[in-house]
Amino acid sequence: MVTKCVCSEVTFEKMKQVSDKHRCTNIQCIQRYLEFGEACGMCRPYVKKMLETGETKFEVIW
């Protein structure tokens, strides 16, 4: 299961808490409060899915 941004170690659970608190609807909004997704970018599809579904644990997207 994929549960976090590997480069920054920020969990999707933490990202969801921030997105809920600040009513974020996109990655850029969450990035105002947390550092993630700038190195390799592999977490971005998962963060988008988290914003769409509210889930914080994902099967690997190939």
N, C-alpha and C. Protein backbone atom coordinates (compact mmCIF):
# COMPACT_ATOMS: atom_id res chain seq x y z
N MET A 1 0.84 -1.19 0.00
CA MET A 1 0.00 0.00 0.00
C MET A 1 0.88 1.25 0.00
N VAL A 2 0.42 2.25 -0.71
CA VAL A 2 1.11 3.53 -0.75
C VAL A 2 0.37 4.46 0.21
N THR A 3 1.11 5.01 1.18
CA THR A 3 0.48 5.82 2.22
C THR A 3 1.10 7.20 2.41
N LYS A 4 2.16 7.50 1.63
CA LYS A 4 2.84 8.78 1.86
C LYS A 4 3.67 9.18 0.65
N CYS A 5 4.10 10.42 0.67
CA CYS A 5 5.09 10.92 -0.28
C CYS A 5 6.44 10.36 0.17
N VAL A 6 7.04 9.56 -0.65
CA VAL A 6 8.29 8.89 -0.27
C VAL A 6 9.43 9.89 -0.07
N CYS A 7 9.49 10.90 -0.90
CA CYS A 7 10.60 11.86 -0.82
C CYS A 7 10.56 12.71 0.45
N SER A 8 9.38 13.14 0.84
CA SER A 8 9.28 14.04 1.99
C SER A 8 8.74 13.37 3.24
N GLU A 9 8.27 12.11 3.11
CA GLU A 9 7.73 11.35 4.25
C GLU A 9 6.42 11.91 4.79
N VAL A 10 5.75 12.78 4.06
CA VAL A 10 4.45 13.31 4.49
C VAL A 10 3.37 12.29 4.10
N THR A 11 2.57 11.89 5.08
CA THR A 11 1.54 10.89 4.80
C THR A 11 0.33 11.52 4.13
N PHE A 12 -0.40 10.70 3.39
CA PHE A 12 -1.63 11.17 2.77
C PHE A 12 -2.66 11.50 3.85
N GLU A 13 -2.59 10.83 4.99
CA GLU A 13 -3.48 11.14 6.11
C GLU A 13 -3.26 12.59 6.56
N LYS A 14 -1.99 12.98 6.70
CA LYS A 14 -1.66 14.36 7.09
C LYS A 14 -2.13 15.34 6.02
N MET A 15 -1.91 14.99 4.76
CA MET A 15 -2.36 15.84 3.66
C MET A 15 -3.87 16.01 3.69
N LYS A 16 -4.58 14.93 3.99
CA LYS A 16 -6.05 14.99 4.06
C LYS A 16 -6.50 15.89 5.20
N GLN A 17 -5.83 15.79 6.35
CA GLN A 17 -6.17 16.66 7.48
C GLN A 17 -6.02 18.13 7.09
N VAL A 18 -4.92 18.43 6.41
CA VAL A 18 -4.68 19.81 5.98
C VAL A 18 -5.70 20.24 4.93
N SER A 19 -5.97 19.35 3.98
CA SER A 19 -6.93 19.71 2.92
C SER A 19 -8.32 19.92 3.50
N ASP A 20 -8.71 19.11 4.47
CA ASP A 20 -10.01 19.29 5.12
C ASP A 20 -10.07 20.60 5.90
N LYS A 21 -9.02 20.87 6.66
CA LYS A 21 -8.97 22.07 7.49
C LYS A 21 -9.03 23.35 6.65
N HIS A 22 -8.31 23.35 5.54
CA HIS A 22 -8.20 24.56 4.72
C HIS A 22 -9.07 24.51 3.46
N ARG A 23 -9.90 23.46 3.37
CA ARG A 23 -10.83 23.28 2.24
C ARG A 23 -10.10 23.30 0.90
N CYS A 24 -8.98 22.59 0.86
CA CYS A 24 -8.19 22.52 -0.36
C CYS A 24 -8.86 21.60 -1.38
N THR A 25 -8.80 22.01 -2.62
CA THR A 25 -9.34 21.19 -3.70
C THR A 25 -8.28 20.84 -4.73
N ASN A 26 -7.03 21.26 -4.48
CA ASN A 26 -5.94 20.92 -5.40
C ASN A 26 -4.62 20.78 -4.64
N ILE A 27 -3.65 20.22 -5.31
CA ILE A 27 -2.35 19.96 -4.70
C ILE A 27 -1.67 21.25 -4.25
N GLN A 28 -1.75 22.28 -5.07
CA GLN A 28 -1.07 23.54 -4.76
C GLN A 28 -1.55 24.13 -3.43
N CYS A 29 -2.81 24.00 -3.16
CA CYS A 29 -3.35 24.50 -1.89
C CYS A 29 -2.72 23.75 -0.72
N ILE A 30 -2.65 22.44 -0.80
CA ILE A 30 -2.05 21.65 0.29
C ILE A 30 -0.57 22.01 0.44
N GLN A 31 0.09 22.27 -0.68
CA GLN A 31 1.52 22.60 -0.63
C GLN A 31 1.79 23.95 0.03
N ARG A 32 0.80 24.76 0.22
CA ARG A 32 0.98 26.00 0.99
C ARG A 32 1.29 25.70 2.45
N TYR A 33 0.86 24.52 2.91
CA TYR A 33 0.97 24.17 4.32
C TYR A 33 1.95 23.02 4.58
N LEU A 34 2.22 22.20 3.58
CA LEU A 34 3.11 21.04 3.73
C LEU A 34 4.06 20.98 2.53
N GLU A 35 5.29 20.52 2.79
CA GLU A 35 6.25 20.34 1.69
C GLU A 35 6.20 18.90 1.21
N PHE A 36 5.82 18.71 -0.04
CA PHE A 36 5.78 17.38 -0.66
C PHE A 36 5.62 17.56 -2.15
N GLY A 37 5.90 16.52 -2.90
CA GLY A 37 5.61 16.47 -4.33
C GLY A 37 6.52 17.28 -5.22
N GLU A 38 7.62 17.76 -4.71
CA GLU A 38 8.51 18.59 -5.52
C GLU A 38 9.74 17.85 -6.04
N ALA A 39 10.12 16.76 -5.43
CA ALA A 39 11.33 16.04 -5.85
C ALA A 39 11.02 15.15 -7.07
N CYS A 40 10.46 13.98 -6.84
CA CYS A 40 10.21 13.06 -7.96
C CYS A 40 8.80 13.19 -8.54
N GLY A 41 7.85 13.66 -7.73
CA GLY A 41 6.48 13.85 -8.21
C GLY A 41 5.64 12.58 -8.27
N MET A 42 6.19 11.46 -7.84
CA MET A 42 5.45 10.20 -7.90
C MET A 42 4.20 10.19 -7.01
N CYS A 43 4.15 11.04 -6.01
CA CYS A 43 2.99 11.06 -5.11
C CYS A 43 1.81 11.83 -5.69
N ARG A 44 2.05 12.64 -6.67
CA ARG A 44 0.99 13.52 -7.20
C ARG A 44 -0.28 12.79 -7.64
N PRO A 45 -0.19 11.66 -8.38
CA PRO A 45 -1.43 10.97 -8.75
C PRO A 45 -2.21 10.47 -7.53
N TYR A 46 -1.47 10.08 -6.48
CA TYR A 46 -2.12 9.60 -5.26
C TYR A 46 -2.79 10.76 -4.52
N VAL A 47 -2.14 11.91 -4.49
CA VAL A 47 -2.74 13.07 -3.82
C VAL A 47 -4.00 13.50 -4.56
N LYS A 48 -3.95 13.49 -5.88
CA LYS A 48 -5.14 13.82 -6.66
C LYS A 48 -6.28 12.85 -6.35
N LYS A 49 -5.94 11.57 -6.27
CA LYS A 49 -6.95 10.56 -5.94
C LYS A 49 -7.49 10.77 -4.52
N MET A 50 -6.61 11.15 -3.59
CA MET A 50 -7.03 11.43 -2.23
C MET A 50 -8.03 12.58 -2.21
N LEU A 51 -7.75 13.62 -2.98
CA LEU A 51 -8.66 14.76 -3.03
C LEU A 51 -10.01 14.37 -3.64
N GLU A 52 -10.00 13.46 -4.59
CA GLU A 52 -11.23 13.02 -5.25
C GLU A 52 -12.06 12.08 -4.38
N THR A 53 -11.38 11.17 -3.66
CA THR A 53 -12.08 10.09 -2.97
C THR A 53 -12.09 10.19 -1.45
N GLY A 54 -11.13 10.92 -0.88
CA GLY A 54 -10.99 10.98 0.58
C GLY A 54 -10.18 9.83 1.15
N GLU A 55 -9.76 8.91 0.29
CA GLU A 55 -8.95 7.78 0.74
C GLU A 55 -7.52 8.24 1.02
N THR A 56 -6.82 7.51 1.91
CA THR A 56 -5.43 7.86 2.24
C THR A 56 -4.47 6.69 2.07
N LYS A 57 -4.97 5.55 1.64
CA LYS A 57 -4.14 4.37 1.37
C LYS A 57 -4.52 3.84 0.00
N PHE A 58 -3.49 3.57 -0.83
CA PHE A 58 -3.77 3.20 -2.21
C PHE A 58 -2.94 2.01 -2.67
N GLU A 59 -3.53 1.25 -3.56
CA GLU A 59 -2.76 0.24 -4.29
C GLU A 59 -1.81 0.99 -5.21
N VAL A 60 -0.71 0.37 -5.60
CA VAL A 60 0.26 1.01 -6.46
C VAL A 60 -0.36 1.30 -7.81
N ILE A 61 -0.21 2.53 -8.28
CA ILE A 61 -0.67 2.93 -9.61
C ILE A 61 0.49 2.70 -10.57
N TRP A 62 0.29 1.93 -11.61
CA TRP A 62 1.37 1.66 -12.56
C TRP A 62 1.31 2.57 -13.70
